[in-house]
Amino acid sequence: MAEAVTPHFHNTDGVEAISIGVKEFMCIGAQPPQDHPHVFLDMGDDSEKVCPYCSTLYKYDPDLGATESKPTGMLIRV
């Protein structure tokens, strides 16, 4: 059975909101070594989710791919 890949996003730049093309993802805060505990977030039926550790607002954008973000460069790994 193949495992699903969960993209990991960071907010090292401290932007207020990040648009992403997935509803299930991991937030790691800033890039290591300043990262917070890696937390799995699921938007469910909503189109936005706030990380409980770093307060980054993630917004779902269906026009983006699973590894894309606005601003660009916020994906750390899949």
C-alpha atoms as a PDB file:
ATOM      1  CA  MET A   1       0.000   0.000   0.000  1.00  0.00           C
ATOM      2  CA  ALA A   2       1.383   3.380  -0.991  1.00  0.00           C
ATOM      3  CA  GLU A   3       1.617   6.033   1.670  1.00  0.00           C
ATOM      4  CA  ALA A   4       0.265   9.513   1.037  1.00  0.00           C
ATOM      5  CA  VAL A   5       2.865  12.252   1.057  1.00  0.00           C
ATOM      6  CA  THR A   6       2.121  15.212   3.316  1.00  0.00           C
ATOM      7  CA  PRO A   7       3.777  18.481   2.288  1.00  0.00           C
ATOM      8  CA  HIS A   8       5.604  20.432   5.002  1.00  0.00           C
ATOM      9  CA  PHE A   9       5.417  24.230   4.914  1.00  0.00           C
ATOM     10  CA  HIS A  10       7.443  26.807   6.854  1.00  0.00           C
ATOM     11  CA  ASN A  11       7.028  30.489   7.610  1.00  0.00           C
ATOM     12  CA  THR A  12      10.601  31.573   8.215  1.00  0.00           C
ATOM     13  CA  ASP A  13       9.839  35.018   6.763  1.00  0.00           C
ATOM     14  CA  GLY A  14       6.985  35.568   9.243  1.00  0.00           C
ATOM     15  CA  VAL A  15       4.342  36.436   6.645  1.00  0.00           C
ATOM     16  CA  GLU A  16       0.772  36.842   7.894  1.00  0.00           C
ATOM     17  CA  ALA A  17      -0.813  34.314   5.505  1.00  0.00           C
ATOM     18  CA  ILE A  18       0.314  31.573   3.137  1.00  0.00           C
ATOM     19  CA  SER A  19      -1.855  30.261   0.316  1.00  0.00           C
ATOM     20  CA  ILE A  20      -1.352  26.562  -0.448  1.00  0.00           C
ATOM     21  CA  GLY A  21      -2.859  24.009  -2.819  1.00  0.00           C
ATOM     22  CA  VAL A  22      -3.641  21.292  -0.242  1.00  0.00           C
ATOM     23  CA  LYS A  23      -5.965  20.976   2.737  1.00  0.00           C
ATOM     24  CA  GLU A  24      -3.852  18.448   4.686  1.00  0.00           C
ATOM     25  CA  PHE A  25      -0.298  19.515   5.480  1.00  0.00           C
ATOM     26  CA  MET A  26       2.353  19.988   8.150  1.00  0.00           C
ATOM     27  CA  CYS A  27       3.449  23.324   9.577  1.00  0.00           C
ATOM     28  CA  ILE A  28       6.946  23.444  11.025  1.00  0.00           C
ATOM     29  CA  GLY A  29       7.112  27.168  11.856  1.00  0.00           C
ATOM     30  CA  ALA A  30      10.517  28.483  10.807  1.00  0.00           C
ATOM     31  CA  GLN A  31      13.139  26.395   9.060  1.00  0.00           C
ATOM     32  CA  PRO A  32      15.320  24.239  11.347  1.00  0.00           C
ATOM     33  CA  PRO A  33      16.839  24.758  13.801  1.00  0.00           C
ATOM     34  CA  GLN A  34      14.251  27.415  14.739  1.00  0.00           C
ATOM     35  CA  ASP A  35      11.275  25.159  13.897  1.00  0.00           C
ATOM     36  CA  HIS A  36       8.423  24.396  16.283  1.00  0.00           C
ATOM     37  CA  PRO A  37       6.960  20.887  16.771  1.00  0.00           C
ATOM     38  CA  HIS A  38       5.841  19.669  13.355  1.00  0.00           C
ATOM     39  CA  VAL A  39       2.055  19.734  13.512  1.00  0.00           C
ATOM     40  CA  PHE A  40      -0.368  18.052  11.098  1.00  0.00           C
ATOM     41  CA  LEU A  41      -3.169  20.399  10.072  1.00  0.00           C
ATOM     42  CA  ASP A  42      -6.365  19.480   8.227  1.00  0.00           C
ATOM     43  CA  MET A  43      -8.689  22.193   6.910  1.00  0.00           C
ATOM     44  CA  GLY A  44     -11.572  19.761   6.440  1.00  0.00           C
ATOM     45  CA  ASP A  45     -14.467  21.622   4.805  1.00  0.00           C
ATOM     46  CA  ASP A  46     -12.940  25.016   5.655  1.00  0.00           C
ATOM     47  CA  SER A  47     -10.673  27.022   3.372  1.00  0.00           C
ATOM     48  CA  GLU A  48      -8.431  28.440   6.116  1.00  0.00           C
ATOM     49  CA  LYS A  49      -6.523  27.097   9.116  1.00  0.00           C
ATOM     50  CA  VAL A  50      -4.359  28.802  11.748  1.00  0.00           C
ATOM     51  CA  CYS A  51      -1.321  26.966  13.110  1.00  0.00           C
ATOM     52  CA  PRO A  52      -1.701  26.666  16.909  1.00  0.00           C
ATOM     53  CA  TYR A  53       2.063  27.083  17.424  1.00  0.00           C
ATOM     54  CA  CYS A  54       3.109  29.992  15.176  1.00  0.00           C
ATOM     55  CA  SER A  55      -0.296  31.523  14.309  1.00  0.00           C
ATOM     56  CA  THR A  56       0.398  31.386  10.563  1.00  0.00           C
ATOM     57  CA  LEU A  57      -2.845  31.598   8.602  1.00  0.00           C
ATOM     58  CA  TYR A  58      -2.951  29.010   5.817  1.00  0.00           C
ATOM     59  CA  LYS A  59      -5.441  29.592   3.003  1.00  0.00           C
ATOM     60  CA  TYR A  60      -6.497  26.927   0.508  1.00  0.00           C
ATOM     61  CA  ASP A  61      -6.106  27.988  -3.131  1.00  0.00           C
ATOM     62  CA  PRO A  62      -7.382  25.335  -5.583  1.00  0.00           C
ATOM     63  CA  ASP A  63      -5.351  26.953  -8.392  1.00  0.00           C
ATOM     64  CA  LEU A  64      -2.101  25.945  -6.664  1.00  0.00           C
ATOM     65  CA  GLY A  65      -0.509  22.502  -6.854  1.00  0.00           C
ATOM     66  CA  ALA A  66       0.214  20.376  -3.783  1.00  0.00           C
ATOM     67  CA  THR A  67       3.785  21.669  -3.545  1.00  0.00           C
ATOM     68  CA  GLU A  68       3.109  25.307  -4.395  1.00  0.00           C
ATOM     69  CA  SER A  69       2.600  28.309  -2.146  1.00  0.00           C
ATOM     70  CA  LYS A  70       2.022  32.045  -2.305  1.00  0.00           C
ATOM     71  CA  PRO A  71       4.379  33.560  -1.433  1.00  0.00           C
ATOM     72  CA  THR A  72       6.601  31.070  -3.210  1.00  0.00           C
ATOM     73  CA  GLY A  73       9.288  29.058  -1.460  1.00  0.00           C
ATOM     74  CA  MET A  74       7.362  28.080   1.675  1.00  0.00           C
ATOM     75  CA  LEU A  75       7.508  24.334   0.979  1.00  0.00           C
ATOM     76  CA  ILE A  76      10.275  22.648   2.937  1.00  0.00           C
ATOM     77  CA  ARG A  77       9.663  19.022   1.907  1.00  0.00           C
ATOM     78  CA  VAL A  78       7.118  16.468   0.765  1.00  0.00           C
END
